[in-house]
């Protein structure tokens, strides 16, 4: 199961490195509900620690970690669906 998670991490990084796919992710992020959108952005683009993100929201670092991974899962599922549609 952990190997599958690592593979999804690499896949997400590859999506972000491709300019066209990154734009699709940014559009999806723009429409994503809070707090997923902000937590994902702070972690990925702001490079903040889970501890710092949790502190910003008045929550624990565990909450920030879970929220980030849920957001990442939503983005990965969206991108996989786009690929299955022939994107």
N, C-alpha and C. Protein backbone atom coordinates (compact mmCIF):
# COMPACT_ATOMS: atom_id res chain seq x y z
N UNK A 1 0.83 -1.19 0.00
CA UNK A 1 0.00 0.00 0.00
C UNK A 1 0.87 1.25 0.00
N UNK A 2 1.96 1.24 0.78
CA UNK A 2 2.85 2.40 0.83
C UNK A 2 3.54 2.63 -0.50
N UNK A 3 3.85 1.56 -1.23
CA UNK A 3 4.45 1.69 -2.55
C UNK A 3 3.51 2.38 -3.51
N UNK A 4 2.22 2.09 -3.39
CA UNK A 4 1.21 2.73 -4.22
C UNK A 4 1.15 4.23 -3.92
N UNK A 5 1.29 4.59 -2.65
CA UNK A 5 1.29 6.00 -2.25
C UNK A 5 2.50 6.73 -2.83
N UNK A 6 3.65 6.09 -2.80
CA UNK A 6 4.85 6.70 -3.36
C UNK A 6 4.71 6.88 -4.87
N UNK A 7 4.11 5.92 -5.52
CA UNK A 7 3.88 6.01 -6.96
C UNK A 7 2.95 7.19 -7.27
N UNK A 8 1.92 7.37 -6.47
CA UNK A 8 0.98 8.49 -6.66
C UNK A 8 1.69 9.82 -6.42
N UNK A 9 2.62 9.87 -5.46
CA UNK A 9 3.40 11.09 -5.21
C UNK A 9 4.22 11.46 -6.44
N UNK A 10 4.87 10.48 -7.03
CA UNK A 10 5.69 10.71 -8.22
C UNK A 10 4.79 11.17 -9.37
N UNK A 11 3.64 10.53 -9.49
CA UNK A 11 2.70 10.88 -10.55
C UNK A 11 2.23 12.33 -10.40
N UNK A 12 1.93 12.76 -9.16
CA UNK A 12 1.49 14.13 -8.91
C UNK A 12 2.59 15.12 -9.26
N UNK A 13 3.83 14.81 -8.90
CA UNK A 13 4.96 15.68 -9.23
C UNK A 13 5.10 15.79 -10.74
N UNK A 14 4.95 14.68 -11.43
CA UNK A 14 5.03 14.70 -12.90
C UNK A 14 3.94 15.58 -13.50
N UNK A 15 2.74 15.50 -12.94
CA UNK A 15 1.65 16.37 -13.41
C UNK A 15 2.02 17.83 -13.24
N UNK A 16 2.58 18.16 -12.08
CA UNK A 16 2.92 19.56 -11.78
C UNK A 16 4.08 20.07 -12.64
N UNK A 17 4.95 19.17 -13.08
CA UNK A 17 6.10 19.58 -13.89
C UNK A 17 5.70 19.84 -15.34
N UNK A 18 4.60 19.22 -15.78
CA UNK A 18 4.10 19.44 -17.13
C UNK A 18 3.23 20.69 -17.11
N UNK A 19 3.60 21.70 -17.86
CA UNK A 19 2.92 23.00 -17.81
C UNK A 19 1.42 22.90 -18.07
N UNK A 20 1.04 22.14 -19.08
CA UNK A 20 -0.38 22.01 -19.43
C UNK A 20 -1.15 21.30 -18.32
N UNK A 21 -0.56 20.21 -17.80
CA UNK A 21 -1.22 19.48 -16.72
C UNK A 21 -1.24 20.29 -15.43
N UNK A 22 -0.20 21.07 -15.19
CA UNK A 22 -0.17 21.93 -14.00
C UNK A 22 -1.31 22.94 -14.05
N UNK A 23 -1.59 23.46 -15.22
CA UNK A 23 -2.70 24.40 -15.37
C UNK A 23 -4.04 23.73 -15.05
N UNK A 24 -4.20 22.49 -15.46
CA UNK A 24 -5.41 21.73 -15.14
C UNK A 24 -5.53 21.56 -13.63
N UNK A 25 -4.41 21.26 -12.97
CA UNK A 25 -4.41 21.11 -11.51
C UNK A 25 -4.75 22.43 -10.85
N UNK A 26 -4.19 23.53 -11.33
CA UNK A 26 -4.48 24.84 -10.74
C UNK A 26 -5.96 25.21 -10.90
N UNK A 27 -6.54 24.86 -12.04
CA UNK A 27 -7.98 25.10 -12.22
C UNK A 27 -8.80 24.28 -11.23
N UNK A 28 -8.40 23.02 -11.06
CA UNK A 28 -9.09 22.16 -10.10
C UNK A 28 -8.91 22.70 -8.68
N UNK A 29 -7.70 23.12 -8.35
CA UNK A 29 -7.44 23.70 -7.03
C UNK A 29 -8.29 24.93 -6.78
N UNK A 30 -8.43 25.75 -7.79
CA UNK A 30 -9.23 26.98 -7.67
C UNK A 30 -10.67 26.66 -7.26
N UNK A 31 -11.18 25.55 -7.77
CA UNK A 31 -12.56 25.15 -7.48
C UNK A 31 -12.67 24.25 -6.24
N UNK A 32 -11.54 23.76 -5.73
CA UNK A 32 -11.56 22.83 -4.60
C UNK A 32 -12.04 23.53 -3.34
N UNK A 33 -12.76 22.79 -2.52
CA UNK A 33 -13.29 23.35 -1.29
C UNK A 33 -12.18 23.53 -0.25
N UNK A 34 -12.44 24.48 0.64
CA UNK A 34 -11.53 24.70 1.76
C UNK A 34 -11.81 23.62 2.81
N UNK A 35 -10.89 23.24 3.61
CA UNK A 35 -9.52 23.75 3.75
C UNK A 35 -8.54 23.03 2.83
N UNK A 36 -9.04 22.08 2.02
CA UNK A 36 -8.14 21.28 1.18
C UNK A 36 -7.30 22.14 0.26
N UNK A 37 -7.96 23.12 -0.36
CA UNK A 37 -7.25 23.98 -1.31
C UNK A 37 -6.09 24.70 -0.64
N UNK A 38 -6.36 25.34 0.47
CA UNK A 38 -5.32 26.14 1.12
C UNK A 38 -4.22 25.27 1.72
N UNK A 39 -4.59 24.18 2.35
CA UNK A 39 -3.58 23.30 2.96
C UNK A 39 -2.67 22.74 1.87
N UNK A 40 -3.25 22.26 0.77
CA UNK A 40 -2.43 21.72 -0.32
C UNK A 40 -1.49 22.80 -0.87
N UNK A 41 -2.02 23.99 -1.09
CA UNK A 41 -1.20 25.08 -1.63
C UNK A 41 -0.08 25.48 -0.68
N UNK A 42 -0.39 25.59 0.61
CA UNK A 42 0.63 25.97 1.58
C UNK A 42 1.74 24.93 1.66
N UNK A 43 1.36 23.67 1.60
CA UNK A 43 2.36 22.59 1.69
C UNK A 43 3.17 22.47 0.40
N UNK A 44 2.49 22.48 -0.73
CA UNK A 44 3.15 22.23 -2.01
C UNK A 44 3.89 23.45 -2.54
N UNK A 45 3.24 24.58 -2.55
CA UNK A 45 3.83 25.77 -3.15
C UNK A 45 4.52 26.67 -2.12
N UNK A 46 3.98 26.70 -0.90
CA UNK A 46 4.57 27.51 0.16
C UNK A 46 5.63 26.77 0.94
N UNK A 47 5.69 25.44 0.74
CA UNK A 47 6.67 24.57 1.38
C UNK A 47 6.67 24.71 2.91
N UNK A 48 5.47 24.90 3.48
CA UNK A 48 5.35 24.99 4.93
C UNK A 48 5.28 23.59 5.52
N UNK A 49 5.73 23.47 6.75
CA UNK A 49 5.65 22.19 7.46
C UNK A 49 4.20 21.94 7.87
N UNK A 50 3.89 20.69 8.17
CA UNK A 50 2.55 20.37 8.65
C UNK A 50 2.30 21.06 9.99
N UNK A 51 3.34 21.18 10.78
CA UNK A 51 3.21 21.87 12.06
C UNK A 51 2.81 23.34 11.85
N UNK A 52 3.47 24.01 10.91
CA UNK A 52 3.17 25.42 10.64
C UNK A 52 1.75 25.58 10.07
N UNK A 53 1.36 24.67 9.19
CA UNK A 53 0.02 24.73 8.61
C UNK A 53 -1.04 24.51 9.69
N UNK A 54 -0.82 23.51 10.52
CA UNK A 54 -1.75 23.26 11.62
C UNK A 54 -1.87 24.48 12.52
N UNK A 55 -0.75 25.11 12.80
CA UNK A 55 -0.74 26.30 13.65
C UNK A 55 -1.56 27.43 13.01
N UNK A 56 -1.40 27.63 11.71
CA UNK A 56 -2.16 28.68 11.00
C UNK A 56 -3.67 28.47 11.14
N UNK A 57 -4.09 27.22 11.13
CA UNK A 57 -5.51 26.90 11.19
C UNK A 57 -6.00 26.67 12.63
N UNK A 58 -5.08 26.73 13.60
CA UNK A 58 -5.46 26.45 14.98
C UNK A 58 -5.75 24.98 15.20
N UNK A 59 -5.08 24.14 14.42
CA UNK A 59 -5.29 22.68 14.47
C UNK A 59 -3.95 22.01 14.71
N UNK A 60 -3.97 20.69 14.78
CA UNK A 60 -2.74 19.92 15.00
C UNK A 60 -2.02 19.67 13.69
N UNK A 61 -0.75 19.25 13.81
CA UNK A 61 -0.01 18.89 12.60
C UNK A 61 -0.60 17.64 11.97
N UNK A 62 -1.19 16.76 12.79
CA UNK A 62 -1.86 15.57 12.26
C UNK A 62 -3.05 15.95 11.39
N UNK A 63 -3.82 16.95 11.83
CA UNK A 63 -4.95 17.44 11.03
C UNK A 63 -4.45 17.97 9.69
N UNK A 64 -3.37 18.75 9.72
CA UNK A 64 -2.81 19.31 8.49
C UNK A 64 -2.34 18.20 7.55
N UNK A 65 -1.71 17.19 8.10
CA UNK A 65 -1.20 16.07 7.31
C UNK A 65 -2.36 15.32 6.64
N UNK A 66 -3.40 14.99 7.41
CA UNK A 66 -4.55 14.27 6.87
C UNK A 66 -5.26 15.11 5.80
N UNK A 67 -5.43 16.39 6.07
CA UNK A 67 -6.10 17.28 5.11
C UNK A 67 -5.31 17.37 3.82
N UNK A 68 -3.98 17.49 3.93
CA UNK A 68 -3.11 17.54 2.75
C UNK A 68 -3.25 16.26 1.92
N UNK A 69 -3.17 15.10 2.58
CA UNK A 69 -3.24 13.84 1.85
C UNK A 69 -4.61 13.61 1.23
N UNK A 70 -5.66 14.10 1.87
CA UNK A 70 -6.99 14.01 1.27
C UNK A 70 -7.07 14.90 0.03
N UNK A 71 -6.50 16.08 0.10
CA UNK A 71 -6.49 16.98 -1.06
C UNK A 71 -5.69 16.36 -2.20
N UNK A 72 -4.54 15.80 -1.85
CA UNK A 72 -3.70 15.17 -2.86
C UNK A 72 -4.42 14.00 -3.52
N UNK A 73 -5.17 13.25 -2.73
CA UNK A 73 -5.93 12.12 -3.26
C UNK A 73 -7.00 12.62 -4.23
N UNK A 74 -7.67 13.71 -3.90
CA UNK A 74 -8.70 14.29 -4.78
C UNK A 74 -8.09 14.74 -6.10
N UNK A 75 -6.93 15.38 -6.03
CA UNK A 75 -6.27 15.88 -7.24
C UNK A 75 -5.81 14.71 -8.11
N UNK A 76 -5.21 13.71 -7.49
CA UNK A 76 -4.73 12.55 -8.24
C UNK A 76 -5.90 11.83 -8.91
N UNK A 77 -7.00 11.65 -8.19
CA UNK A 77 -8.18 10.99 -8.77
C UNK A 77 -8.73 11.81 -9.94
N UNK A 78 -8.75 13.12 -9.79
CA UNK A 78 -9.22 13.99 -10.87
C UNK A 78 -8.33 13.86 -12.11
N UNK A 79 -7.03 13.88 -11.90
CA UNK A 79 -6.10 13.79 -13.02
C UNK A 79 -6.17 12.41 -13.71
N UNK A 80 -6.36 11.36 -12.91
CA UNK A 80 -6.51 10.03 -13.50
C UNK A 80 -7.78 9.95 -14.33
N UNK A 81 -8.86 10.56 -13.84
CA UNK A 81 -10.11 10.59 -14.60
C UNK A 81 -9.93 11.37 -15.90
N UNK A 82 -9.20 12.47 -15.85
CA UNK A 82 -8.94 13.26 -17.06
C UNK A 82 -8.15 12.43 -18.07
N UNK A 83 -7.19 11.66 -17.59
CA UNK A 83 -6.40 10.82 -18.50
C UNK A 83 -7.27 9.73 -19.12
N UNK A 84 -8.18 9.18 -18.32
CA UNK A 84 -9.08 8.14 -18.83
C UNK A 84 -10.04 8.69 -19.87
N UNK A 85 -10.31 10.00 -19.79
CA UNK A 85 -11.19 10.64 -20.78
C UNK A 85 -10.43 10.95 -22.07
N UNK A 86 -9.13 10.70 -22.06
CA UNK A 86 -8.33 10.95 -23.25
C UNK A 86 -7.66 12.31 -23.24
N UNK A 87 -7.52 12.90 -22.06
CA UNK A 87 -6.88 14.21 -21.92
C UNK A 87 -5.48 14.18 -22.44
